[in-house]
PDB file of N, CA and C in Angstrom:
ATOM      1  N   MET A   1     -98.879  76.546  67.212  1.00  0.00           N
ATOM      2  CA  MET A   1    -100.281  76.253  67.415  1.00  0.00           C
ATOM      3  C   MET A   1    -101.116  77.478  67.024  1.00  0.00           C
ATOM      4  N   LEU A   2    -102.090  77.289  66.149  1.00  0.00           N
ATOM      5  CA  LEU A   2    -102.949  78.387  65.736  1.00  0.00           C
ATOM      6  C   LEU A   2    -104.042  78.602  66.770  1.00  0.00           C
ATOM      7  N   GLN A   3    -104.313  79.847  67.028  1.00  0.00           N
ATOM      8  CA  GLN A   3    -105.380  80.163  67.965  1.00  0.00           C
ATOM      9  C   GLN A   3    -106.654  80.479  67.197  1.00  0.00           C
ATOM     10  N   TYR A   4    -107.788  80.335  67.884  1.00  0.00           N
ATOM     11  CA  TYR A   4    -109.061  80.667  67.255  1.00  0.00           C
ATOM     12  C   TYR A   4    -109.164  82.184  67.142  1.00  0.00           C
ATOM     13  N   ILE A   5    -109.549  82.657  65.979  1.00  0.00           N
ATOM     14  CA  ILE A   5    -109.680  84.086  65.737  1.00  0.00           C
ATOM     15  C   ILE A   5    -111.141  84.362  65.413  1.00  0.00           C
ATOM     16  N   ASN A   6    -111.750  85.217  66.218  1.00  0.00           N
ATOM     17  CA  ASN A   6    -113.173  85.471  66.013  1.00  0.00           C
ATOM     18  C   ASN A   6    -113.400  86.502  64.913  1.00  0.00           C
ATOM     19  N   GLU A   7    -114.636  86.585  64.469  1.00  0.00           N
ATOM     20  CA  GLU A   7    -114.991  87.484  63.368  1.00  0.00           C
ATOM     21  C   GLU A   7    -114.787  88.950  63.736  1.00  0.00           C
ATOM     22  N   GLU A   8    -114.946  89.293  64.995  1.00  0.00           N
ATOM     23  CA  GLU A   8    -114.727  90.681  65.424  1.00  0.00           C
ATOM     24  C   GLU A   8    -113.262  91.062  65.246  1.00  0.00           C
ATOM     25  N   ASP A   9    -112.364  90.143  65.619  1.00  0.00           N
ATOM     26  CA  ASP A   9    -110.934  90.395  65.404  1.00  0.00           C
ATOM     27  C   ASP A   9    -110.645  90.576  63.921  1.00  0.00           C
ATOM     28  N   MET A  10    -111.234  89.738  63.087  1.00  0.00           N
ATOM     29  CA  MET A  10    -110.990  89.827  61.654  1.00  0.00           C
ATOM     30  C   MET A  10    -111.539  91.131  61.079  1.00  0.00           C
ATOM     31  N   ALA A  11    -112.662  91.593  61.583  1.00  0.00           N
ATOM     32  CA  ALA A  11    -113.212  92.878  61.129  1.00  0.00           C
ATOM     33  C   ALA A  11    -112.274  94.013  61.519  1.00  0.00           C
ATOM     34  N   ASP A  12    -111.687  93.933  62.708  1.00  0.00           N
ATOM     35  CA  ASP A  12    -110.727  94.952  63.147  1.00  0.00           C
ATOM     36  C   ASP A  12    -109.484  94.938  62.264  1.00  0.00           C
ATOM     37  N   ILE A  13    -109.017  93.742  61.940  1.00  0.00           N
ATOM     38  CA  ILE A  13    -107.844  93.609  61.072  1.00  0.00           C
ATOM     39  C   ILE A  13    -108.149  94.171  59.689  1.00  0.00           C
ATOM     40  N   LYS A  14    -109.313  93.858  59.158  1.00  0.00           N
ATOM     41  CA  LYS A  14    -109.711  94.375  57.836  1.00  0.00           C
ATOM     42  C   LYS A  14    -109.741  95.896  57.854  1.00  0.00           C
ATOM     43  N   GLN A  15    -110.302  96.462  58.903  1.00  0.00           N
ATOM     44  CA  GLN A  15    -110.382  97.916  59.021  1.00  0.00           C
ATOM     45  C   GLN A  15    -108.985  98.533  59.094  1.00  0.00           C
ATOM     46  N   GLU A  16    -108.085  97.898  59.804  1.00  0.00           N
ATOM     47  CA  GLU A  16    -106.725  98.411  59.925  1.00  0.00           C
ATOM     48  C   GLU A  16    -105.988  98.347  58.577  1.00  0.00           C
ATOM     49  N   ILE A  17    -106.183  97.279  57.834  1.00  0.00           N
ATOM     50  CA  ILE A  17    -105.570  97.160  56.510  1.00  0.00           C
ATOM     51  C   ILE A  17    -106.139  98.229  55.574  1.00  0.00           C
ATOM     52  N   GLU A  18    -107.448  98.409  55.593  1.00  0.00           N
ATOM     53  CA  GLU A  18    -108.075  99.431  54.749  1.00  0.00           C
ATOM     54  C   GLU A  18    -107.546 100.819  55.087  1.00  0.00           C
ATOM     55  N   LYS A  19    -107.388 101.096  56.374  1.00  0.00           N
ATOM     56  CA  LYS A  19    -106.872 102.401  56.799  1.00  0.00           C
ATOM     57  C   LYS A  19    -105.453 102.608  56.289  1.00  0.00           C
ATOM     58  N   PHE A  20    -104.607 101.588  56.413  1.00  0.00           N
ATOM     59  CA  PHE A  20    -103.236 101.689  55.916  1.00  0.00           C
ATOM     60  C   PHE A  20    -103.223 101.959  54.417  1.00  0.00           C
ATOM     61  N   ILE A  21    -104.018 101.216  53.666  1.00  0.00           N
ATOM     62  CA  ILE A  21    -104.052 101.384  52.213  1.00  0.00           C
ATOM     63  C   ILE A  21    -104.577 102.768  51.846  1.00  0.00           C
ATOM     64  N   GLU A  22    -105.637 103.208  52.501  1.00  0.00           N
ATOM     65  CA  GLU A  22    -106.188 104.539  52.218  1.00  0.00           C
ATOM     66  C   GLU A  22    -105.163 105.632  52.494  1.00  0.00           C
ATOM     67  N   GLU A  23    -104.488 105.554  53.632  1.00  0.00           N
ATOM     68  CA  GLU A  23    -103.536 106.592  54.019  1.00  0.00           C
ATOM     69  C   GLU A  23    -102.271 106.587  53.163  1.00  0.00           C
ATOM     70  N   ASN A  24    -101.881 105.425  52.665  1.00  0.00           N
ATOM     71  CA  ASN A  24    -100.618 105.322  51.950  1.00  0.00           C
ATOM     72  C   ASN A  24    -100.734 105.248  50.437  1.00  0.00           C
ATOM     73  N   PHE A  25    -101.899 104.875  49.926  1.00  0.00           N
ATOM     74  CA  PHE A  25    -102.018 104.680  48.483  1.00  0.00           C
ATOM     75  C   PHE A  25    -103.208 105.391  47.837  1.00  0.00           C
ATOM     76  N   VAL A  26    -104.216 105.740  48.627  1.00  0.00           N
ATOM     77  CA  VAL A  26    -105.431 106.308  48.047  1.00  0.00           C
ATOM     78  C   VAL A  26    -105.567 107.805  48.317  1.00  0.00           C
ATOM     79  N   MET A  27    -105.073 108.273  49.445  1.00  0.00           N
ATOM     80  CA  MET A  27    -105.281 109.650  49.876  1.00  0.00           C
ATOM     81  C   MET A  27    -104.993 110.648  48.746  1.00  0.00           C
ATOM     82  N   GLY A  28    -105.964 111.489  48.480  1.00  0.00           N
ATOM     83  CA  GLY A  28    -105.826 112.524  47.470  1.00  0.00           C
ATOM     84  C   GLY A  28    -106.118 112.066  46.049  1.00  0.00           C
ATOM     85  N   ARG A  29    -106.443 110.811  45.870  1.00  0.00           N
ATOM     86  CA  ARG A  29    -106.755 110.274  44.542  1.00  0.00           C
ATOM     87  C   ARG A  29    -108.260 110.021  44.479  1.00  0.00           C
ATOM     88  N   LYS A  30    -108.982 110.952  43.899  1.00  0.00           N
ATOM     89  CA  LYS A  30    -110.448 110.900  43.903  1.00  0.00           C
ATOM     90  C   LYS A  30    -111.012 109.783  43.032  1.00  0.00           C
ATOM     91  N   ASN A  31    -110.247 109.315  42.056  1.00  0.00           N
ATOM     92  CA  ASN A  31    -110.770 108.299  41.138  1.00  0.00           C
ATOM     93  C   ASN A  31    -110.585 106.874  41.667  1.00  0.00           C
ATOM     94  N   ILE A  32    -110.077 106.708  42.882  1.00  0.00           N
ATOM     95  CA  ILE A  32    -109.817 105.391  43.456  1.00  0.00           C
ATOM     96  C   ILE A  32    -110.779 105.128  44.612  1.00  0.00           C
ATOM     97  N   THR A  33    -111.444 103.994  44.554  1.00  0.00           N
ATOM     98  CA  THR A  33    -112.258 103.544  45.679  1.00  0.00           C
ATOM     99  C   THR A  33    -111.830 102.128  46.037  1.00  0.00           C
ATOM    100  N   LEU A  34    -111.882 101.826  47.321  1.00  0.00           N
ATOM    101  CA  LEU A  34    -111.490 100.499  47.774  1.00  0.00           C
ATOM    102  C   LEU A  34    -112.685  99.561  47.746  1.00  0.00           C
ATOM    103  N   ASP A  35    -112.510  98.456  47.067  1.00  0.00           N
ATOM    104  CA  ASP A  35    -113.489  97.382  47.049  1.00  0.00           C
ATOM    105  C   ASP A  35    -112.755  96.159  47.585  1.00  0.00           C
ATOM    106  N   PRO A  36    -113.225  95.559  48.674  1.00  0.00           N
ATOM    107  CA  PRO A  36    -112.488  94.462  49.298  1.00  0.00           C
ATOM    108  C   PRO A  36    -112.295  93.228  48.420  1.00  0.00           C
ATOM    109  N   ASP A  37    -113.031  93.135  47.308  1.00  0.00           N
ATOM    110  CA  ASP A  37    -112.911  91.978  46.424  1.00  0.00           C
ATOM    111  C   ASP A  37    -112.181  92.280  45.119  1.00  0.00           C
ATOM    112  N   LYS A  38    -111.772  93.536  44.913  1.00  0.00           N
ATOM    113  CA  LYS A  38    -111.089  93.904  43.668  1.00  0.00           C
ATOM    114  C   LYS A  38    -109.586  93.900  43.870  1.00  0.00           C
ATOM    115  N   SER A  39    -108.881  93.527  42.824  1.00  0.00           N
ATOM    116  CA  SER A  39    -107.428  93.509  42.842  1.00  0.00           C
ATOM    117  C   SER A  39    -106.879  94.904  43.130  1.00  0.00           C
ATOM    118  N   LEU A  40    -105.988  94.981  44.112  1.00  0.00           N
ATOM    119  CA  LEU A  40    -105.388  96.260  44.459  1.00  0.00           C
ATOM    120  C   LEU A  40    -104.459  96.753  43.354  1.00  0.00           C
ATOM    121  N   ILE A  41    -103.860  95.837  42.634  1.00  0.00           N
ATOM    122  CA  ILE A  41    -102.957  96.216  41.544  1.00  0.00           C
ATOM    123  C   ILE A  41    -103.749  96.549  40.283  1.00  0.00           C
ATOM    124  N   GLU A  42    -104.650  95.660  39.881  1.00  0.00           N
ATOM    125  CA  GLU A  42    -105.418  95.884  38.650  1.00  0.00           C
ATOM    126  C   GLU A  42    -106.316  97.113  38.733  1.00  0.00           C
ATOM    127  N   SER A  43    -106.783  97.453  39.940  1.00  0.00           N
ATOM    128  CA  SER A  43    -107.645  98.632  40.088  1.00  0.00           C
ATOM    129  C   SER A  43    -106.829  99.914  40.234  1.00  0.00           C
ATOM    130  N   GLY A  44    -105.503  99.811  40.216  1.00  0.00           N
ATOM    131  CA  GLY A  44    -104.653 100.995  40.263  1.00  0.00           C
ATOM    132  C   GLY A  44    -104.403 101.546  41.650  1.00  0.00           C
ATOM    133  N   VAL A  45    -104.804 100.833  42.676  1.00  0.00           N
ATOM    134  CA  VAL A  45    -104.595 101.308  44.042  1.00  0.00           C
ATOM    135  C   VAL A  45    -103.104 101.311  44.368  1.00  0.00           C
ATOM    136  N   MET A  46    -102.404 100.236  44.001  1.00  0.00           N
ATOM    137  CA  MET A  46    -100.972 100.168  44.266  1.00  0.00           C
ATOM    138  C   MET A  46    -100.268  99.407  43.151  1.00  0.00           C
ATOM    139  N   ASP A  47     -98.945  99.560  43.131  1.00  0.00           N
ATOM    140  CA  ASP A  47     -98.124  98.819  42.176  1.00  0.00           C
ATOM    141  C   ASP A  47     -97.278  97.809  42.945  1.00  0.00           C
ATOM    142  N   SER A  48     -96.330  97.179  42.274  1.00  0.00           N
ATOM    143  CA  SER A  48     -95.534  96.136  42.927  1.00  0.00           C
ATOM    144  C   SER A  48     -94.720  96.685  44.096  1.00  0.00           C
ATOM    145  N   THR A  49     -94.269  97.915  43.997  1.00  0.00           N
ATOM    146  CA  THR A  49     -93.555  98.538  45.122  1.00  0.00           C
ATOM    147  C   THR A  49     -94.509  98.718  46.294  1.00  0.00           C
ATOM    148  N   GLY A  50     -95.739  99.077  46.014  1.00  0.00           N
ATOM    149  CA  GLY A  50     -96.753  99.221  47.055  1.00  0.00           C
ATOM    150  C   GLY A  50     -97.019  97.904  47.769  1.00  0.00           C
ATOM    151  N   VAL A  51     -96.988  96.810  47.020  1.00  0.00           N
ATOM    152  CA  VAL A  51     -97.187  95.499  47.632  1.00  0.00           C
ATOM    153  C   VAL A  51     -96.078  95.232  48.645  1.00  0.00           C
ATOM    154  N   LEU A  52     -94.849  95.588  48.296  1.00  0.00           N
ATOM    155  CA  LEU A  52     -93.729  95.405  49.227  1.00  0.00           C
ATOM    156  C   LEU A  52     -93.907  96.263  50.480  1.00  0.00           C
ATOM    157  N   GLU A  53     -94.389  97.485  50.309  1.00  0.00           N
ATOM    158  CA  GLU A  53     -94.678  98.345  51.464  1.00  0.00           C
ATOM    159  C   GLU A  53     -95.760  97.715  52.343  1.00  0.00           C
ATOM    160  N   LEU A  54     -96.779  97.188  51.705  1.00  0.00           N
ATOM    161  CA  LEU A  54     -97.867  96.533  52.429  1.00  0.00           C
ATOM    162  C   LEU A  54     -97.347  95.328  53.203  1.00  0.00           C
ATOM    163  N   VAL A  55     -96.495  94.523  52.581  1.00  0.00           N
ATOM    164  CA  VAL A  55     -95.925  93.353  53.242  1.00  0.00           C
ATOM    165  C   VAL A  55     -95.113  93.787  54.467  1.00  0.00           C
ATOM    166  N   MET A  56     -94.315  94.838  54.328  1.00  0.00           N
ATOM    167  CA  MET A  56     -93.529  95.332  55.465  1.00  0.00           C
ATOM    168  C   MET A  56     -94.449  95.782  56.598  1.00  0.00           C
ATOM    169  N   PHE A  57     -95.533  96.468  56.253  1.00  0.00           N
ATOM    170  CA  PHE A  57     -96.508  96.887  57.262  1.00  0.00           C
ATOM    171  C   PHE A  57     -97.101  95.679  57.978  1.00  0.00           C
ATOM    172  N   LEU A  58     -97.531  94.680  57.216  1.00  0.00           N
ATOM    173  CA  LEU A  58     -98.146  93.494  57.809  1.00  0.00           C
ATOM    174  C   LEU A  58     -97.167  92.771  58.735  1.00  0.00           C
ATOM    175  N   GLU A  59     -95.926  92.633  58.292  1.00  0.00           N
ATOM    176  CA  GLU A  59     -94.928  91.943  59.110  1.00  0.00           C
ATOM    177  C   GLU A  59     -94.663  92.686  60.413  1.00  0.00           C
ATOM    178  N   GLU A  60     -94.538  94.007  60.315  1.00  0.00           N
ATOM    179  CA  GLU A  60     -94.265  94.799  61.523  1.00  0.00           C
ATOM    180  C   GLU A  60     -95.480  94.866  62.443  1.00  0.00           C
ATOM    181  N   ARG A  61     -96.628  95.155  61.884  1.00  0.00           N
ATOM    182  CA  ARG A  61     -97.829  95.353  62.697  1.00  0.00           C
ATOM    183  C   ARG A  61     -98.297  94.079  63.379  1.00  0.00           C
ATOM    184  N   PHE A  62     -98.224  92.959  62.666  1.00  0.00           N
ATOM    185  CA  PHE A  62     -98.776  91.718  63.201  1.00  0.00           C
ATOM    186  C   PHE A  62     -97.702  90.725  63.646  1.00  0.00           C
ATOM    187  N   SER A  63     -96.455  91.168  63.657  1.00  0.00           N
ATOM    188  CA  SER A  63     -95.328  90.343  64.126  1.00  0.00           C
ATOM    189  C   SER A  63     -95.296  88.976  63.453  1.00  0.00           C
ATOM    190  N   ILE A  64     -95.348  89.012  62.125  1.00  0.00           N
ATOM    191  CA  ILE A  64     -95.305  87.768  61.345  1.00  0.00           C
ATOM    192  C   ILE A  64     -94.172  87.851  60.341  1.00  0.00           C
ATOM    193  N   GLN A  65     -93.830  86.720  59.797  1.00  0.00           N
ATOM    194  CA  GLN A  65     -92.875  86.625  58.694  1.00  0.00           C
ATOM    195  C   GLN A  65     -93.635  86.132  57.476  1.00  0.00           C
ATOM    196  N   ILE A  66     -93.551  86.886  56.396  1.00  0.00           N
ATOM    197  CA  ILE A  66     -94.187  86.471  55.146  1.00  0.00           C
ATOM    198  C   ILE A  66     -93.081  85.961  54.233  1.00  0.00           C
ATOM    199  N   ASP A  67     -93.125  84.671  53.937  1.00  0.00           N
ATOM    200  CA  ASP A  67     -92.104  84.038  53.112  1.00  0.00           C
ATOM    201  C   ASP A  67     -92.321  84.356  51.641  1.00  0.00           C
ATOM    202  N   ASP A  68     -91.241  84.249  50.867  1.00  0.00           N
ATOM    203  CA  ASP A  68     -91.314  84.554  49.437  1.00  0.00           C
ATOM    204  C   ASP A  68     -92.410  83.767  48.731  1.00  0.00           C
ATOM    205  N   GLU A  69     -92.566  82.497  49.090  1.00  0.00           N
ATOM    206  CA  GLU A  69     -93.571  81.674  48.407  1.00  0.00           C
ATOM    207  C   GLU A  69     -95.005  82.081  48.775  1.00  0.00           C
ATOM    208  N   GLU A  70     -95.151  82.915  49.794  1.00  0.00           N
ATOM    209  CA  GLU A  70     -96.479  83.405  50.179  1.00  0.00           C
ATOM    210  C   GLU A  70     -96.844  84.711  49.463  1.00  0.00           C
ATOM    211  N   LEU A  71     -95.906  85.276  48.715  1.00  0.00           N
ATOM    212  CA  LEU A  71     -96.137  86.525  47.993  1.00  0.00           C
ATOM    213  C   LEU A  71     -96.835  86.250  46.665  1.00  0.00           C
ATOM    214  N   VAL A  72     -98.065  85.777  46.770  1.00  0.00           N
ATOM    215  CA  VAL A  72     -98.858  85.418  45.597  1.00  0.00           C
ATOM    216  C   VAL A  72    -100.210  86.123  45.659  1.00  0.00           C
ATOM    217  N   PRO A  73    -100.846  86.331  44.508  1.00  0.00           N
ATOM    218  CA  PRO A  73    -102.136  87.029  44.491  1.00  0.00           C
ATOM    219  C   PRO A  73    -103.191  86.410  45.405  1.00  0.00           C
ATOM    220  N   GLU A  74    -103.180  85.096  45.534  1.00  0.00           N
ATOM    221  CA  GLU A  74    -104.171  84.440  46.386  1.00  0.00           C
ATOM    222  C   GLU A  74    -104.099  84.947  47.825  1.00  0.00           C
ATOM    223  N   ASN A  75    -102.946  85.448  48.228  1.00  0.00           N
ATOM    224  CA  ASN A  75    -102.775  85.960  49.588  1.00  0.00           C
ATOM    225  C   ASN A  75    -102.860  87.474  49.687  1.00  0.00           C
ATOM    226  N   LEU A  76    -102.441  88.189  48.639  1.00  0.00           N
ATOM    227  CA  LEU A  76    -102.206  89.620  48.793  1.00  0.00           C
ATOM    228  C   LEU A  76    -102.927  90.520  47.805  1.00  0.00           C
ATOM    229  N   ASP A  77    -103.687  89.978  46.875  1.00  0.00           N
ATOM    230  CA  ASP A  77    -104.212  90.794  45.782  1.00  0.00           C
ATOM    231  C   ASP A  77    -105.433  91.636  46.137  1.00  0.00           C
ATOM    232  N   THR A  78    -106.241  91.180  47.080  1.00  0.00           N
ATOM    233  CA  THR A  78    -107.417  91.954  47.485  1.00  0.00           C
ATOM    234  C   THR A  78    -107.408  92.104  49.003  1.00  0.00           C
ATOM    235  N   ILE A  79    -108.203  93.013  49.495  1.00  0.00           N
ATOM    236  CA  ILE A  79    -108.298  93.193  50.945  1.00  0.00           C
ATOM    237  C   ILE A  79    -108.834  91.926  51.599  1.00  0.00           C
ATOM    238  N   ASN A  80    -109.846  91.313  51.010  1.00  0.00           N
ATOM    239  CA  ASN A  80    -110.391  90.075  51.580  1.00  0.00           C
ATOM    240  C   ASN A  80    -109.368  88.942  51.547  1.00  0.00           C
ATOM    241  N   ASN A  81    -108.556  88.870  50.488  1.00  0.00           N
ATOM    242  CA  ASN A  81    -107.489  87.867  50.443  1.00  0.00           C
ATOM    243  C   ASN A  81    -106.473  88.112  51.554  1.00  0.00           C
ATOM    244  N   LEU A  82    -106.149  89.368  51.798  1.00  0.00           N
ATOM    245  CA  LEU A  82    -105.207  89.718  52.863  1.00  0.00           C
ATOM    246  C   LEU A  82    -105.726  89.271  54.224  1.00  0.00           C
ATOM    247  N   VAL A  83    -106.995  89.537  54.477  1.00  0.00           N
ATOM    248  CA  VAL A  83    -107.592  89.170  55.766  1.00  0.00           C
ATOM    249  C   VAL A  83    -107.590  87.640  55.923  1.00  0.00           C
ATOM    250  N   ALA A  84    -107.969  86.926  54.878  1.00  0.00           N
ATOM    251  CA  ALA A  84    -107.974  85.461  54.945  1.00  0.00           C
ATOM    252  C   ALA A  84    -106.562  84.917  55.145  1.00  0.00           C
ATOM    253  N   PHE A  85    -105.589  85.526  54.487  1.00  0.00           N
ATOM    254  CA  PHE A  85    -104.198  85.118  54.639  1.00  0.00           C
ATOM    255  C   PHE A  85    -103.727  85.317  56.081  1.00  0.00           C
ATOM    256  N   LEU A  86    -104.032  86.462  56.651  1.00  0.00           N
ATOM    257  CA  LEU A  86    -103.633  86.731  58.039  1.00  0.00           C
ATOM    258  C   LEU A  86    -104.323  85.763  58.994  1.00  0.00           C
ATOM    259  N   LYS A  87    -105.557  85.424  58.695  1.00  0.00           N
ATOM    260  CA  LYS A  87    -106.267  84.457  59.534  1.00  0.00           C
ATOM    261  C   LYS A  87    -105.571  83.101  59.480  1.00  0.00           C
ATOM    262  N   LYS A  88    -105.141  82.687  58.276  1.00  0.00           N
ATOM    263  CA  LYS A  88    -104.405  81.423  58.149  1.00  0.00           C
ATOM    264  C   LYS A  88    -103.095  81.464  58.923  1.00  0.00           C
ATOM    265  N   LYS A  89    -102.502  82.651  59.003  1.00  0.00           N
ATOM    266  CA  LYS A  89    -101.234  82.810  59.727  1.00  0.00           C
ATOM    267  C   LYS A  89    -101.453  82.860  61.234  1.00  0.00           C
ATOM    268  N   GLY A  90    -102.718  82.892  61.658  1.00  0.00           N
ATOM    269  CA  GLY A  90    -103.015  82.900  63.092  1.00  0.00           C
ATOM    270  C   GLY A  90    -102.965  84.277  63.731  1.00  0.00           C
ATOM    271  N   VAL A  91    -103.106  85.303  62.923  1.00  0.00           N
ATOM    272  CA  VAL A  91    -103.031  86.680  63.417  1.00  0.00           C
ATOM    273  C   VAL A  91    -104.349  87.069  64.084  1.00  0.00           C
ATOM    274  N   ALA A  92    -104.247  87.717  65.221  1.00  0.00           N
ATOM    275  CA  ALA A  92    -105.410  88.306  65.890  1.00  0.00           C
ATOM    276  C   ALA A  92    -105.125  89.786  66.088  1.00  0.00           C
ATOM    277  N   ALA A  93    -106.179  90.588  66.120  1.00  0.00           N
ATOM    278  CA  ALA A  93    -106.022  92.047  66.236  1.00  0.00           C
ATOM    279  C   ALA A  93    -105.360  92.424  67.537  1.00  0.00           C
TER     280      ALA A  93
END
């Protein structure tokens, strides 16, 4: 059963994802800025290995299982896609 997730929870989740990405993929790289609507791969923030690291973080932090068929750009390519995906999974902060 999915629970209702309010916008404040989603803002907290977005902030936590941004912090993880900044600390693990952006730190020390002055030419990289995070835009929640830009592709994390196409903008050079992370590569395919980084996506796997991100998936492991999401699974551990939010106690979810991300299935192979869910590893698609519609779910994981941008910060906003990640937040929407977690909301569909019923994740709350």
